């Protein structure tokens, strides 16, 4: 059965948000940006210098900090963390770096395609869900793969293979950002960070 639903326009959505809640303040933004960054740097230093048993705990802390920084970078690149655009851009670039996400491709795939075409197959850079007919058409192994990739323990693998690899770091020509020079620069910077990171750990 087809359900007709009239989606609210962007102006209606924005007007429903309290004006006070839309104010972007510098100090709260700085706090949310700085805290996970400090935890990440401190835990990374601990991994380098701490005894082996502490490295395991600090590795978990470090990984969690990277995840939080990715969320902070997401908000910054949506322009809602700081009052100035350049502040958001800089905070987003720094916060996304430990997770090796080029800012240029993130803005293209997430802000442009995912939010512009949410759940529209062929356009959304995310993971539009299958309908019942599409799921039933899968092979036995395909159904198992679908269930695993949609679970809490398999979504990370889905993200790395279907999102990060195909859209963020190694996109083909049809998926790549429109500014190839900026995208190349972003990836070279992250590659340099990766080399420095590994050099510290070994």
Protein backbone atom coordinates (compact mmCIF):
# COMPACT_ATOMS: atom_id res chain seq x y z
CA UNK A 1 0.00 0.00 0.00
CA UNK A 2 1.38 3.37 -1.00
CA UNK A 3 1.27 6.05 1.66
CA UNK A 4 1.18 9.66 0.53
CA UNK A 5 3.09 11.93 2.86
CA UNK A 6 3.86 15.58 2.34
CA UNK A 7 7.31 16.35 3.68
CA UNK A 8 7.79 19.71 5.43
CA UNK A 9 9.90 22.26 3.56
CA UNK A 10 13.32 23.40 4.80
CA UNK A 11 11.92 26.75 5.98
CA UNK A 12 9.27 24.98 8.05
CA UNK A 13 11.88 22.71 9.61
CA UNK A 14 14.19 25.61 10.45
CA UNK A 15 11.38 27.69 11.92
CA UNK A 16 10.51 24.82 14.27
CA UNK A 17 13.93 25.10 15.94
CA UNK A 18 14.11 27.59 18.80
CA UNK A 19 16.17 30.63 17.79
CA UNK A 20 18.20 30.36 21.00
CA UNK A 21 19.21 26.80 20.12
CA UNK A 22 20.54 27.95 16.74
CA UNK A 23 23.13 30.32 18.20
CA UNK A 24 26.68 29.01 17.64
CA UNK A 25 28.97 30.02 20.50
CA UNK A 26 32.76 29.87 20.45
CA UNK A 27 33.55 28.54 23.94
CA UNK A 28 31.16 25.54 23.93
CA UNK A 29 32.40 24.68 20.45
CA UNK A 30 36.01 24.92 21.60
CA UNK A 31 35.31 22.65 24.57
CA UNK A 32 33.64 19.94 22.48
CA UNK A 33 36.39 20.17 19.87
CA UNK A 34 39.33 20.19 22.31
CA UNK A 35 38.32 17.49 24.80
CA UNK A 36 38.42 14.43 22.49
CA UNK A 37 41.50 15.85 20.75
CA UNK A 38 43.36 16.05 24.07
CA UNK A 39 42.22 12.54 25.03
CA UNK A 40 43.38 11.22 21.65
CA UNK A 41 46.80 12.86 21.90
CA UNK A 42 47.30 11.82 25.53
CA UNK A 43 46.27 8.21 24.91
CA UNK A 44 48.49 8.06 21.81
CA UNK A 45 51.44 9.25 23.88
CA UNK A 46 50.55 6.64 26.48
CA UNK A 47 50.51 3.90 23.85
CA UNK A 48 54.02 4.89 22.79
CA UNK A 49 55.56 5.03 26.27
CA UNK A 50 53.36 2.85 28.52
CA UNK A 51 54.04 -0.82 29.38
CA UNK A 52 52.41 -3.46 27.17
CA UNK A 53 49.45 -4.16 29.45
CA UNK A 54 48.51 -0.47 29.54
CA UNK A 55 48.70 -0.21 25.75
CA UNK A 56 45.60 -2.40 25.43
CA UNK A 57 43.49 -0.11 27.62
CA UNK A 58 44.92 3.04 26.05
CA UNK A 59 44.26 1.61 22.59
CA UNK A 60 40.57 1.29 23.42
CA UNK A 61 40.53 4.84 24.80
CA UNK A 62 42.33 6.10 21.70
CA UNK A 63 39.89 4.37 19.36
CA UNK A 64 36.92 5.80 21.25
CA UNK A 65 38.45 9.29 21.07
CA UNK A 66 38.84 8.92 17.29
CA UNK A 67 35.16 7.98 17.03
CA UNK A 68 34.12 11.01 19.08
CA UNK A 69 36.35 13.26 16.98
CA UNK A 70 34.66 11.95 13.86
CA UNK A 71 31.30 13.03 15.30
CA UNK A 72 32.71 16.45 16.21
CA UNK A 73 34.17 16.78 12.72
CA UNK A 74 30.77 15.86 11.28
CA UNK A 75 29.12 18.70 13.21
CA UNK A 76 31.90 21.15 12.32
CA UNK A 77 31.63 20.41 8.60
CA UNK A 78 27.89 20.97 8.87
CA UNK A 79 28.84 24.44 10.11
CA UNK A 80 27.23 24.21 13.56
CA UNK A 81 30.19 23.95 15.96
CA UNK A 82 31.67 27.46 15.70
CA UNK A 83 30.25 30.83 14.63
CA UNK A 84 32.77 31.30 11.79
CA UNK A 85 32.97 29.17 8.66
CA UNK A 86 36.78 28.98 8.69
CA UNK A 87 36.71 27.79 12.31
CA UNK A 88 34.32 24.99 11.43
CA UNK A 89 36.40 24.04 8.40
CA UNK A 90 39.63 23.91 10.43
CA UNK A 91 38.02 22.00 13.31
CA UNK A 92 36.49 19.54 10.85
CA UNK A 93 39.81 18.97 9.11
CA UNK A 94 41.64 18.32 12.38
CA UNK A 95 38.89 16.14 13.86
CA UNK A 96 38.53 14.00 10.73
CA UNK A 97 42.27 13.42 10.32
CA UNK A 98 42.80 10.60 12.90
CA UNK A 99 40.03 8.59 11.19
CA UNK A 100 41.70 9.29 7.81
CA UNK A 101 38.70 11.04 6.27
CA UNK A 102 39.56 13.62 3.58
CA UNK A 103 37.43 16.71 4.16
CA UNK A 104 36.83 17.29 0.46
CA UNK A 105 35.29 13.87 -0.15
CA UNK A 106 33.35 13.93 3.14
CA UNK A 107 31.64 17.22 2.27
CA UNK A 108 30.83 15.86 -1.19
CA UNK A 109 29.52 12.43 -0.16
CA UNK A 110 27.92 13.25 3.18
CA UNK A 111 26.73 16.86 3.06
CA UNK A 112 25.95 16.89 -0.64
CA UNK A 113 24.77 13.39 -1.57
CA UNK A 114 23.69 11.74 1.67
CA UNK A 115 21.71 14.70 3.01
CA UNK A 116 20.61 15.78 -0.45
CA UNK A 117 19.28 12.34 -1.46
CA UNK A 118 18.73 10.47 1.81
CA UNK A 119 17.83 6.80 1.22
CA UNK A 120 17.45 7.31 -2.54
CA UNK A 121 19.20 4.33 -4.13
CA UNK A 122 21.81 5.26 -6.68
CA UNK A 123 22.26 8.76 -5.27
CA UNK A 124 22.64 8.46 -1.49
CA UNK A 125 26.28 7.81 -0.60
CA UNK A 126 25.12 6.04 2.57
CA UNK A 127 23.39 2.68 2.87
CA UNK A 128 19.75 2.90 1.73
CA UNK A 129 17.89 -0.11 3.16
CA UNK A 130 16.56 -2.88 0.94
CA UNK A 131 12.84 -3.31 0.56
CA UNK A 132 11.26 -6.73 1.15
CA UNK A 133 11.35 -7.74 -2.51
CA UNK A 134 15.02 -6.77 -2.86
CA UNK A 135 15.94 -8.70 0.27
CA UNK A 136 14.06 -11.82 -0.85
CA UNK A 137 15.84 -11.67 -4.21
CA UNK A 138 19.23 -12.04 -2.51
CA UNK A 139 21.02 -15.36 -2.42
CA UNK A 140 21.37 -17.25 0.86
CA UNK A 141 24.87 -15.85 1.37
CA UNK A 142 23.65 -12.41 0.30
CA UNK A 143 20.99 -12.46 3.00
CA UNK A 144 23.55 -13.47 5.62
CA UNK A 145 25.88 -10.70 4.46
CA UNK A 146 23.02 -8.17 4.59
CA UNK A 147 22.07 -9.16 8.13
CA UNK A 148 25.67 -9.03 9.35
CA UNK A 149 26.38 -5.67 7.73
CA UNK A 150 23.24 -4.20 9.33
CA UNK A 151 24.14 -5.46 12.81
CA UNK A 152 26.11 -3.67 15.53
CA UNK A 153 29.04 -6.05 15.07
CA UNK A 154 29.15 -5.85 11.28
CA UNK A 155 28.34 -2.22 10.53
CA UNK A 156 31.99 -1.21 10.93
CA UNK A 157 33.07 -3.56 8.15
CA UNK A 158 30.23 -2.26 5.97
CA UNK A 159 31.33 1.32 6.59
CA UNK A 160 34.99 0.64 5.79
CA UNK A 161 34.33 -1.33 2.59
CA UNK A 162 31.27 0.43 1.18
CA UNK A 163 31.73 3.98 2.46
CA UNK A 164 35.31 4.82 3.40
CA UNK A 165 37.01 2.84 0.63
CA UNK A 166 34.56 3.58 -2.20
CA UNK A 167 33.56 7.16 -1.34
CA UNK A 168 36.07 8.77 1.01
CA UNK A 169 39.58 7.64 0.08
CA UNK A 170 39.55 5.68 -3.20
CA UNK A 171 36.45 6.80 -5.13
CA UNK A 172 36.16 6.18 -8.84
CA UNK A 173 35.67 9.08 -11.24
CA UNK A 174 31.88 9.13 -10.82
CA UNK A 175 32.11 9.31 -7.01
CA UNK A 176 35.07 11.66 -6.64
CA UNK A 177 34.71 15.29 -5.46
CA UNK A 178 34.54 17.99 -8.12
CA UNK A 179 37.83 19.57 -6.98
CA UNK A 180 40.48 16.92 -7.72
CA UNK A 181 43.42 19.09 -6.63
CA UNK A 182 41.93 19.74 -3.18
CA UNK A 183 41.04 16.06 -2.86
CA UNK A 184 44.59 15.00 -3.77
CA UNK A 185 46.02 17.48 -1.27
CA UNK A 186 43.73 16.15 1.46
CA UNK A 187 44.80 12.56 0.79
CA UNK A 188 48.50 13.42 0.70
CA UNK A 189 48.19 15.18 4.07
CA UNK A 190 46.48 12.13 5.57
CA UNK A 191 49.08 9.81 4.06
CA UNK A 192 51.81 11.92 5.70
CA UNK A 193 49.93 11.68 9.01
CA UNK A 194 49.68 7.90 8.61
CA UNK A 195 53.44 7.57 7.99
CA UNK A 196 54.22 9.76 11.01
CA UNK A 197 51.75 7.82 13.17
CA UNK A 198 53.23 4.43 12.26
CA UNK A 199 56.76 5.78 12.73
CA UNK A 200 55.91 6.80 16.30
CA UNK A 201 54.34 3.44 17.10
CA UNK A 202 57.28 1.36 15.84
